Amino acid sequence: MKKLFILISAACMIIPMAGFAQEVKRTEDDKTITVVEETKTDAGRVVTTTVIDKKAVFTNGFSYNWEMMLGLGTQVYLGENDYRVGHWYETLTFPSIDLYITKWASPVFGVGIGANFSQFKGLYQGRHEDTNFTTRFKTDEAYTGADSKWDYYQLTKQRGYYGNVFALAHVDVCALFGGYNPSRIYTLDAYAGGGVVFGITDKAWGASFNAGLANKFRVSDRLSILLNLRGALLSDDFDGESSLKEPNQEHYDNNFKIDGLVGATLGLAWKLGKEKSGWRNATRSSTVYYNDAIYADRDRWKDAADALAGENQALRDSLANSKKEKEVVKDTPDLWFHINFIIDRWDILKREYINLQSVADVIKSTPNTKYLLVGYADKQTSYPAHNLFLSENRVKAVYNVLVNELGVNPDQLVTDYKGGVDYMFFNEKEFSRCVMISSIKEAE
């Protein structure tokens, strides 16, 4: 029991400490969500930034994001004579069956196939019996419910079954304007495409252009209730009655130039494939590791380097004001300069150009004196061969700036490099990452 109490107490102490070790900041705008997570460790801080794009998603494979829509309802066929019925509801047919299979390439756009099957319920003109009309879905049952003004047409009932198969392009209107949201309650799927309409109980063929609005009401991640409103334009002579075959101009002007159908079905939309929710928002993430101890050291040696730069500037001003501007100095035995570098680097920082300008001015004012350039690295940084490589490249970098940029006579310079060394100044290893420049006393 005592051991258990100790473990519980330790856990209670550790959990709050862990909470303070990590900090998460979240910001959001119309397009993105940004999460910055900062974790403090013994070695320093780890900062991970994750940006989530609200309107972009990762593309899924072919087996993902399929959807099937199945509906049952009613529709109306609109042919050459169907508007002459006595009551509009006489043209309604039931059942009308819809089936759609869609592959969504993105949350906004998809392609697929669709089909609907229904009864052909219309009227044709009996007087066409004496012409070359080939009326389809034909019966011998006269229609008696029309207004008497249509008696001239001898309207007769058409009955049969037909199907319509088509390819479609789909657009999720809500995702197009509102971005991807898997929890959205209502989704509007607008679609359109072309296909073939054909008779089942009669030999009839024609082209069809189809369009509609699939209204989906979310029930779960996979299932939605479907209200599908659709329409189609069909070939004019699919039912065997083309306006081009009317006996005179008056009949032609009063007739439809194209057939059509409209319908509504109620059913279910079911998401197929491997993904329930469908898509993953596009994200990008980056992690930066901060060694706070190194940054503290950097600030200290930067201050020291700034102090040295100030001393060098004072020396430069003193030389400029010297009364012996034209006098050639043969040697300066106590003169030396320190050029500092960042850990594991040999490119020269902008602030060191101040020191190098001072060095160049002094060297050019003492043409009879040679100067020694020696490169160093701190041996705690890496293994000996790499430190030797660093020190060599650092001295080459300083030599190139003095000669190629600041106009120093290369005959006045001698270079060397020593690799990794122990603390050179103030017991600080970063001051050992340097090039030392000192005058060489010539023999008389």
Protein backbone atom coordinates (compact mmCIF):
# COMPACT_ATOMS: atom_id res chain seq x y z
CA MET A 1 0.00 0.00 0.00
CA LYS A 2 2.85 2.38 0.81
CA LYS A 3 4.50 1.72 -2.57
CA LEU A 4 1.19 2.35 -4.34
CA PHE A 5 0.80 5.68 -2.54
CA ILE A 6 4.33 6.72 -3.58
CA LEU A 7 3.64 5.84 -7.24
CA ILE A 8 0.37 7.79 -7.26
CA SER A 9 2.06 10.81 -5.66
CA ALA A 10 4.87 10.73 -8.21
CA ALA A 11 2.36 10.56 -11.06
CA CYS A 12 0.49 13.55 -9.67
CA MET A 13 3.74 15.52 -9.66
CA ILE A 14 4.85 14.42 -13.14
CA ILE A 15 1.56 15.09 -14.92
CA PRO A 16 1.44 18.84 -14.11
CA MET A 17 5.13 19.16 -15.06
CA ALA A 18 4.41 17.55 -18.43
CA GLY A 19 1.59 20.02 -18.97
CA PHE A 20 3.96 22.94 -18.49
CA ALA A 21 6.53 21.34 -20.82
CA GLN A 22 4.28 21.67 -23.86
CA GLU A 23 2.42 24.68 -25.23
CA VAL A 24 -0.02 24.63 -28.15
CA LYS A 25 -1.23 27.75 -29.96
CA ARG A 26 -4.02 27.62 -32.55
CA THR A 27 -4.98 30.37 -34.99
CA GLU A 28 -7.59 30.29 -37.75
CA ASP A 29 -8.72 32.36 -40.71
CA ASP A 30 -11.01 31.82 -43.69
CA LYS A 31 -8.54 29.58 -45.51
CA THR A 32 -6.28 27.87 -42.98
CA ILE A 33 -5.89 26.58 -39.44
CA THR A 34 -2.39 26.96 -37.95
CA VAL A 35 -1.29 24.93 -34.93
CA VAL A 36 2.06 25.73 -33.28
CA GLU A 37 3.23 23.16 -30.73
CA GLU A 38 6.27 24.01 -28.59
CA THR A 39 7.85 21.29 -26.43
CA LYS A 40 10.64 22.00 -23.95
CA THR A 41 13.27 19.29 -23.49
CA ASP A 42 16.61 19.06 -21.74
CA ALA A 43 18.35 19.73 -25.06
CA GLY A 44 16.24 22.79 -25.86
CA ARG A 45 12.93 23.59 -27.53
CA VAL A 46 11.17 21.69 -30.33
CA VAL A 47 8.69 23.85 -32.27
CA THR A 48 6.34 22.10 -34.72
CA THR A 49 4.12 24.21 -36.99
CA THR A 50 1.21 22.52 -38.80
CA VAL A 51 -0.89 24.41 -41.37
CA ILE A 52 -4.25 22.86 -42.35
CA ASP A 53 -5.78 24.09 -45.60
CA LYS A 54 -9.57 24.23 -45.21
CA LYS A 55 -10.36 24.14 -48.93
CA ALA A 56 -7.71 21.70 -50.17
CA VAL A 57 -7.58 17.94 -49.65
CA PHE A 58 -5.24 15.08 -50.43
CA THR A 59 -6.11 13.12 -53.56
CA ASN A 60 -7.27 9.55 -52.90
CA GLY A 61 -6.82 6.40 -54.96
CA PHE A 62 -9.28 4.94 -57.47
CA SER A 63 -10.95 2.63 -54.93
CA TYR A 64 -11.87 5.56 -52.66
CA ASN A 65 -14.83 7.95 -52.67
CA TRP A 66 -17.44 6.07 -54.65
CA GLU A 67 -21.12 6.82 -54.10
CA MET A 68 -24.34 5.05 -55.10
CA MET A 69 -27.72 6.80 -55.23
CA LEU A 70 -30.95 4.81 -55.51
CA GLY A 71 -34.41 6.36 -55.68
CA LEU A 72 -38.05 5.53 -56.33
CA GLY A 73 -40.61 8.08 -57.48
CA THR A 74 -42.65 9.43 -60.36
CA GLN A 75 -42.09 11.25 -63.65
CA VAL A 76 -43.87 12.80 -66.63
CA TYR A 77 -43.09 12.29 -70.33
CA LEU A 78 -43.67 15.36 -72.52
CA GLY A 79 -44.20 14.40 -76.16
CA GLU A 80 -45.97 15.89 -79.17
CA ASN A 81 -49.53 15.43 -77.89
CA ASP A 82 -49.15 14.78 -74.18
CA TYR A 83 -50.06 18.33 -73.18
CA ARG A 84 -53.58 17.70 -74.54
CA VAL A 85 -54.60 15.43 -71.66
CA GLY A 86 -57.63 16.45 -69.64
CA HIS A 87 -55.81 16.46 -66.27
CA TRP A 88 -52.07 16.84 -65.80
CA TYR A 89 -51.83 14.07 -63.21
CA GLU A 90 -52.92 11.55 -65.85
CA THR A 91 -49.41 11.78 -67.30
CA LEU A 92 -47.71 10.79 -64.02
CA THR A 93 -46.11 7.36 -64.02
CA PHE A 94 -45.21 5.21 -61.03
CA PRO A 95 -42.86 3.67 -60.24
CA SER A 96 -39.88 5.45 -61.75
CA ILE A 97 -36.55 3.99 -60.65
CA ASP A 98 -33.24 5.93 -60.54
CA LEU A 99 -29.76 4.46 -60.09
CA TYR A 100 -26.52 6.50 -60.08
CA ILE A 101 -22.93 5.43 -59.43
CA THR A 102 -20.38 8.24 -59.02
CA LYS A 103 -16.63 8.36 -58.52
CA TRP A 104 -15.69 11.61 -56.75
CA ALA A 105 -12.27 12.78 -57.88
CA SER A 106 -12.36 15.58 -55.29
CA PRO A 107 -14.90 16.92 -52.78
CA VAL A 108 -16.19 19.22 -55.55
CA PHE A 109 -16.05 17.21 -58.78
CA GLY A 110 -17.09 13.68 -59.75
CA VAL A 111 -17.99 11.58 -62.79
CA GLY A 112 -20.25 8.59 -63.12
CA ILE A 113 -23.10 6.85 -64.87
CA GLY A 114 -26.82 6.95 -64.25
CA ALA A 115 -29.98 5.22 -65.37
CA ASN A 116 -33.71 5.55 -64.89
CA PHE A 117 -36.49 3.20 -65.85
CA SER A 118 -40.14 4.10 -66.10
CA GLN A 119 -43.42 3.65 -67.95
CA PHE A 120 -44.15 5.48 -71.19
CA LYS A 121 -47.53 7.12 -70.72
CA GLY A 122 -48.58 9.47 -73.50
CA LEU A 123 -50.90 10.24 -76.41
CA TYR A 124 -50.57 10.01 -80.18
CA GLN A 125 -52.72 11.25 -83.07
CA GLY A 126 -54.93 8.54 -84.52
CA ARG A 127 -55.27 10.48 -87.78
CA HIS A 128 -51.64 9.67 -88.48
CA GLU A 129 -52.75 6.19 -89.40
CA ASP A 130 -53.21 7.46 -92.96
CA THR A 131 -49.64 8.85 -93.16
CA ASN A 132 -46.18 7.37 -93.03
CA PHE A 133 -45.84 7.91 -89.27
CA THR A 134 -44.38 5.03 -87.28
CA THR A 135 -45.89 5.64 -83.85
CA ARG A 136 -44.20 3.72 -81.02
CA PHE A 137 -45.64 2.38 -77.75
CA LYS A 138 -48.87 2.25 -79.73
CA THR A 139 -52.25 0.96 -78.44
CA ASP A 140 -55.73 0.81 -79.94
CA GLU A 141 -57.35 2.48 -76.90
CA ALA A 142 -58.83 5.88 -77.71
CA TYR A 143 -58.35 8.69 -75.18
CA THR A 144 -61.62 10.33 -74.18
CA GLY A 145 -60.55 12.72 -71.43
CA ALA A 146 -59.32 15.57 -73.65
CA ASP A 147 -61.09 18.83 -74.36
CA SER A 148 -63.47 18.61 -77.30
CA LYS A 149 -61.33 21.04 -79.26
CA TRP A 150 -58.80 18.22 -79.70
CA ASP A 151 -61.33 15.80 -81.24
CA TYR A 152 -59.81 16.47 -84.66
CA TYR A 153 -56.60 14.74 -83.53
CA GLN A 154 -58.32 11.47 -82.59
CA LEU A 155 -56.06 11.09 -79.56
CA THR A 156 -55.07 7.53 -78.69
CA LYS A 157 -53.17 6.22 -75.66
CA GLN A 158 -49.49 5.21 -75.77
CA ARG A 159 -48.29 2.74 -73.18
CA GLY A 160 -45.03 0.90 -72.62
CA TYR A 161 -41.72 0.86 -70.73
CA TYR A 162 -38.43 2.48 -71.53
CA GLY A 163 -35.01 3.17 -70.04
CA ASN A 164 -32.50 6.02 -70.09
CA VAL A 165 -28.78 5.42 -69.57
CA PHE A 166 -26.29 8.30 -69.45
CA ALA A 167 -22.85 9.50 -68.36
CA LEU A 168 -22.72 12.42 -65.92
CA ALA A 169 -20.47 15.05 -64.46
CA HIS A 170 -21.25 16.00 -60.84
CA VAL A 171 -20.49 19.19 -58.89
CA ASP A 172 -20.96 19.44 -55.12
CA VAL A 173 -22.27 23.00 -54.94
CA CYS A 174 -21.89 23.28 -51.16
CA ALA A 175 -18.25 22.16 -51.25
CA LEU A 176 -17.56 24.44 -54.23
CA PHE A 177 -18.61 27.58 -52.36
CA GLY A 178 -18.26 26.54 -48.71
CA GLY A 179 -15.23 24.24 -48.70
CA TYR A 180 -14.99 20.60 -47.69
CA ASN A 181 -16.96 19.76 -44.55
CA PRO A 182 -17.65 16.05 -43.83
CA SER A 183 -20.19 16.98 -41.11
CA ARG A 184 -22.36 19.15 -43.37
CA ILE A 185 -26.05 18.23 -42.90
CA TYR A 186 -27.22 19.24 -46.37
CA THR A 187 -25.40 18.73 -49.65
CA LEU A 188 -26.53 19.82 -53.12
CA ASP A 189 -25.18 17.71 -55.99
CA ALA A 190 -25.77 19.29 -59.42
CA TYR A 191 -25.20 16.98 -62.37
CA ALA A 192 -25.54 16.92 -66.16
CA GLY A 193 -24.61 14.64 -69.05
CA GLY A 194 -25.65 12.83 -72.21
CA GLY A 195 -26.80 9.33 -73.01
CA VAL A 196 -29.25 7.07 -74.81
CA VAL A 197 -32.96 6.54 -74.25
CA PHE A 198 -34.41 3.23 -75.47
CA GLY A 199 -37.70 1.35 -75.51
CA ILE A 200 -38.12 -1.85 -73.51
CA THR A 201 -41.54 -2.92 -74.80
CA ASP A 202 -41.03 -1.36 -78.25
CA LYS A 203 -38.13 -0.77 -80.62
CA ALA A 204 -37.29 2.86 -79.99
CA TRP A 205 -33.97 4.72 -79.71
CA GLY A 206 -32.94 8.30 -79.18
CA ALA A 207 -30.36 10.63 -77.66
CA SER A 208 -30.89 12.24 -74.27
CA PHE A 209 -29.42 15.19 -72.39
CA ASN A 210 -29.92 14.88 -68.65
CA ALA A 211 -29.57 17.28 -65.73
CA GLY A 212 -30.72 17.36 -62.15
CA LEU A 213 -30.26 18.30 -58.51
CA ALA A 214 -29.60 15.59 -55.95
CA ASN A 215 -30.49 16.92 -52.50
CA LYS A 216 -28.76 14.89 -49.77
CA PHE A 217 -29.57 15.05 -46.06
CA ARG A 218 -26.82 13.48 -43.95
CA VAL A 219 -27.74 10.64 -41.59
CA SER A 220 -24.24 9.25 -40.94
CA ASP A 221 -20.75 9.31 -42.43
CA ARG A 222 -21.90 6.93 -45.16
CA LEU A 223 -25.65 7.32 -45.46
CA SER A 224 -27.84 10.24 -46.62
CA ILE A 225 -31.51 10.60 -47.46
CA LEU A 226 -31.91 11.55 -51.13
CA LEU A 227 -34.42 13.79 -52.90
CA ASN A 228 -33.56 13.76 -56.59
CA LEU A 229 -35.12 16.30 -58.99
CA ARG A 230 -34.22 15.62 -62.59
CA GLY A 231 -35.13 16.33 -66.18
CA ALA A 232 -34.09 15.32 -69.70
CA LEU A 233 -34.36 16.49 -73.29
CA LEU A 234 -34.98 13.63 -75.75
CA SER A 235 -34.82 13.12 -79.50
CA ASP A 236 -37.95 14.54 -81.10
CA ASP A 237 -38.99 11.32 -82.85
CA PHE A 238 -38.30 8.90 -79.96
CA ASP A 239 -42.05 8.29 -79.59
CA GLY A 240 -42.48 8.12 -83.38
CA GLU A 241 -44.10 11.56 -83.62
CA SER A 242 -41.73 14.17 -84.94
CA SER A 243 -42.73 17.78 -85.45
CA LEU A 244 -40.99 17.57 -88.81
CA LYS A 245 -43.71 15.19 -89.99
CA GLU A 246 -46.64 17.52 -89.32
CA PRO A 247 -48.94 17.91 -92.33
CA ASN A 248 -48.78 21.71 -92.54
CA GLN A 249 -47.02 24.79 -91.21
CA GLU A 250 -49.71 25.57 -88.64
CA HIS A 251 -49.39 22.16 -87.01
CA TYR A 252 -45.62 22.41 -87.15
CA ASP A 253 -45.60 25.80 -85.38
CA ASN A 254 -47.91 24.52 -82.62
CA ASN A 255 -45.96 21.35 -81.93
CA PHE A 256 -42.97 20.60 -79.69
CA LYS A 257 -39.65 20.56 -81.47
CA ILE A 258 -38.13 18.27 -78.87
CA ASP A 259 -39.47 15.80 -76.31
CA GLY A 260 -38.67 15.78 -72.64
CA LEU A 261 -39.30 14.31 -69.23
CA VAL A 262 -39.20 15.53 -65.64
CA GLY A 263 -39.23 13.45 -62.51
CA ALA A 264 -38.66 13.29 -58.76
CA THR A 265 -37.53 10.33 -56.68
CA LEU A 266 -36.93 9.73 -53.01
CA GLY A 267 -34.25 7.33 -51.83
CA LEU A 268 -30.81 6.89 -50.28
CA ALA A 269 -27.25 7.96 -51.12
CA TRP A 270 -24.61 5.53 -49.87
CA LYS A 271 -20.84 6.18 -49.79
CA LEU A 272 -18.79 3.23 -50.99
CA GLY A 273 -15.06 2.57 -51.06
CA LYS A 274 -12.42 2.50 -48.33
CA GLU A 275 -13.00 5.87 -46.69
CA LYS A 276 -15.90 6.72 -44.40
CA SER A 277 -15.40 10.45 -44.20
CA GLY A 278 -14.03 10.66 -47.74
CA TRP A 279 -11.15 13.10 -47.65
CA ARG A 280 -8.25 14.37 -45.54
CA ASN A 281 -7.54 18.09 -45.47
CA ALA A 282 -4.21 19.02 -47.01
CA THR A 283 -1.63 19.82 -44.34
CA ARG A 284 1.99 20.90 -44.27
CA SER A 285 4.21 20.61 -41.23
CA SER A 286 7.69 21.76 -40.23
CA THR A 287 9.77 21.20 -37.10
CA VAL A 288 12.58 23.43 -35.81
CA TYR A 289 14.94 22.41 -33.02
CA TYR A 290 16.33 25.21 -30.85
CA ASN A 291 19.36 24.63 -28.64
CA ASP A 292 18.90 27.43 -26.11
CA ALA A 293 22.37 26.93 -24.65
CA ILE A 294 23.99 27.53 -28.03
CA TYR A 295 21.87 30.63 -28.60
CA ALA A 296 22.88 31.98 -25.22
CA ASP A 297 26.54 31.34 -26.08
CA ARG A 298 26.04 33.02 -29.43
CA ASP A 299 24.70 36.14 -27.77
CA ARG A 300 27.70 36.25 -25.43
CA TRP A 301 30.32 35.92 -28.15
CA LYS A 302 28.39 38.37 -30.33
CA ASP A 303 28.73 40.94 -27.55
CA ALA A 304 32.44 40.18 -27.26
CA ALA A 305 32.86 40.44 -31.03
CA ASP A 306 31.05 43.77 -31.05
CA ALA A 307 33.42 45.01 -28.38
CA LEU A 308 36.40 43.94 -30.47
CA ALA A 309 34.88 45.66 -33.49
CA GLY A 310 34.63 48.86 -31.43
CA GLU A 311 38.28 48.60 -30.44
CA ASN A 312 39.26 48.05 -34.06
CA GLN A 313 37.24 51.08 -35.13
CA ALA A 314 38.99 53.17 -32.50
CA LEU A 315 42.33 51.96 -33.85
CA ARG A 316 41.23 52.81 -37.36
CA ASP A 317 40.26 56.32 -36.31
CA SER A 318 43.60 56.71 -34.55
CA LEU A 319 45.49 55.69 -37.68
CA ALA A 320 43.42 58.06 -39.78
CA ASN A 321 44.33 60.94 -37.51
CA SER A 322 47.98 60.05 -37.30
CA LYS A 323 50.38 62.71 -38.42
CA LYS A 324 52.54 60.04 -40.04
CA GLU A 325 50.02 59.04 -42.72
CA LYS A 326 52.67 58.79 -45.41
CA GLU A 327 55.34 57.16 -43.27
CA VAL A 328 55.96 53.48 -44.07
CA VAL A 329 55.84 51.31 -41.00
CA LYS A 330 58.31 48.47 -41.28
CA ASP A 331 56.81 46.25 -38.61
CA THR A 332 54.09 46.21 -35.97
CA PRO A 333 55.06 43.40 -33.60
CA ASP A 334 52.11 43.67 -31.18
CA LEU A 335 49.30 43.94 -33.77
CA TRP A 336 46.69 41.12 -34.01
CA PHE A 337 43.06 40.69 -35.07
CA HIS A 338 40.38 38.11 -34.31
CA ILE A 339 37.74 37.12 -36.96
CA ASN A 340 34.93 34.98 -35.48
CA PHE A 341 32.72 32.31 -37.12
CA ILE A 342 29.43 30.48 -36.37
CA ILE A 343 29.67 26.84 -35.31
CA ASP A 344 30.38 24.45 -38.23
CA ARG A 345 30.46 27.34 -40.76
CA TRP A 346 33.14 29.24 -42.65
CA ASP A 347 31.14 31.96 -44.36
CA ILE A 348 32.05 35.42 -43.05
CA LEU A 349 29.37 37.33 -41.18
CA LYS A 350 28.61 40.90 -42.21
CA ARG A 351 29.72 42.29 -38.86
CA GLU A 352 33.20 40.75 -39.35
CA TYR A 353 33.64 42.85 -42.49
CA ILE A 354 34.15 45.80 -40.11
CA ASN A 355 37.17 44.06 -38.62
CA LEU A 356 38.48 42.96 -42.00
CA GLN A 357 38.23 46.50 -43.37
CA SER A 358 40.39 47.65 -40.46
CA VAL A 359 42.84 44.82 -41.13
CA ALA A 360 43.01 45.72 -44.81
CA ASP A 361 43.68 49.39 -44.04
CA VAL A 362 46.50 48.48 -41.64
CA ILE A 363 48.09 45.99 -44.05
CA LYS A 364 47.99 48.45 -46.95
CA SER A 365 49.53 51.14 -44.74
CA THR A 366 52.46 48.83 -43.90
CA PRO A 367 53.62 47.49 -47.27
CA ASN A 368 56.94 46.24 -45.84
CA THR A 369 55.23 44.02 -43.27
CA LYS A 370 53.83 40.54 -43.79
CA TYR A 371 50.87 39.15 -41.87
CA LEU A 372 50.06 35.63 -40.73
CA LEU A 373 46.48 34.29 -41.09
CA VAL A 374 45.80 31.17 -38.99
CA GLY A 375 42.46 29.28 -38.99
CA TYR A 376 41.04 27.48 -35.92
CA ALA A 377 38.04 25.44 -34.75
CA ASP A 378 37.00 24.42 -31.26
CA LYS A 379 37.78 20.76 -30.76
CA GLN A 380 34.55 20.14 -28.81
CA THR A 381 32.51 20.71 -31.99
CA SER A 382 33.47 17.64 -34.05
CA TYR A 383 36.12 15.05 -34.82
CA PRO A 384 39.71 16.17 -35.68
CA ALA A 385 39.50 15.70 -39.47
CA HIS A 386 36.37 17.83 -39.71
CA ASN A 387 37.84 20.53 -37.47
CA LEU A 388 40.94 20.64 -39.68
CA PHE A 389 38.65 21.03 -42.69
CA LEU A 390 36.78 23.89 -40.97
CA SER A 391 39.95 25.76 -39.99
CA GLU A 392 41.35 25.48 -43.54
CA ASN A 393 38.19 26.82 -45.15
CA ARG A 394 37.93 29.67 -42.66
CA VAL A 395 41.42 30.95 -43.38
CA LYS A 396 40.79 30.65 -47.13
CA ALA A 397 37.61 32.69 -46.75
CA VAL A 398 39.42 35.49 -44.90
CA TYR A 399 42.29 35.46 -47.42
CA ASN A 400 39.82 35.77 -50.34
CA VAL A 401 38.00 38.74 -48.78
CA LEU A 402 41.24 40.60 -48.02
CA VAL A 403 42.75 40.04 -51.46
CA ASN A 404 39.76 39.92 -53.82
CA GLU A 405 37.38 42.38 -52.14
CA LEU A 406 39.53 44.72 -50.06
CA GLY A 407 42.57 45.00 -52.35
CA VAL A 408 45.30 43.65 -50.03
CA ASN A 409 48.60 42.65 -51.67
CA PRO A 410 48.69 38.81 -51.55
CA ASP A 411 52.48 38.92 -51.18
CA GLN A 412 51.96 40.36 -47.68
CA LEU A 413 49.89 37.37 -46.50
CA VAL A 414 50.93 33.98 -45.16
CA THR A 415 48.20 31.38 -44.31
CA ASP A 416 48.07 28.40 -41.96
CA TYR A 417 45.41 26.34 -40.18
CA LYS A 418 45.52 24.35 -36.93
CA GLY A 419 42.24 22.39 -36.73
CA GLY A 420 40.47 22.04 -33.39
CA VAL A 421 41.97 23.69 -30.30
CA ASP A 422 41.09 24.20 -26.64
CA TYR A 423 39.67 27.44 -25.27
CA MET A 424 41.66 30.38 -26.66
CA PHE A 425 39.92 33.34 -24.98
CA PHE A 426 37.89 33.85 -21.80
CA ASN A 427 37.26 30.12 -21.34
CA GLU A 428 34.64 30.28 -24.16
CA LYS A 429 34.82 27.64 -26.89
CA GLU A 430 33.01 29.79 -29.47
CA PHE A 431 35.94 32.25 -29.52
CA SER A 432 38.10 29.38 -30.78
CA ARG A 433 36.05 29.30 -34.03
CA CYS A 434 38.14 31.98 -35.64
CA VAL A 435 40.95 33.22 -37.84
CA MET A 436 43.74 35.08 -36.04
CA ILE A 437 45.61 37.76 -38.01
CA SER A 438 48.97 38.99 -36.65
CA SER A 439 51.98 40.85 -38.05
CA ILE A 440 55.24 39.04 -38.85
CA LYS A 441 58.34 40.83 -37.72
CA GLU A 442 60.86 40.99 -40.53
CA ALA A 443 64.55 40.57 -40.01
CA GLU A 444 66.59 43.77 -40.52
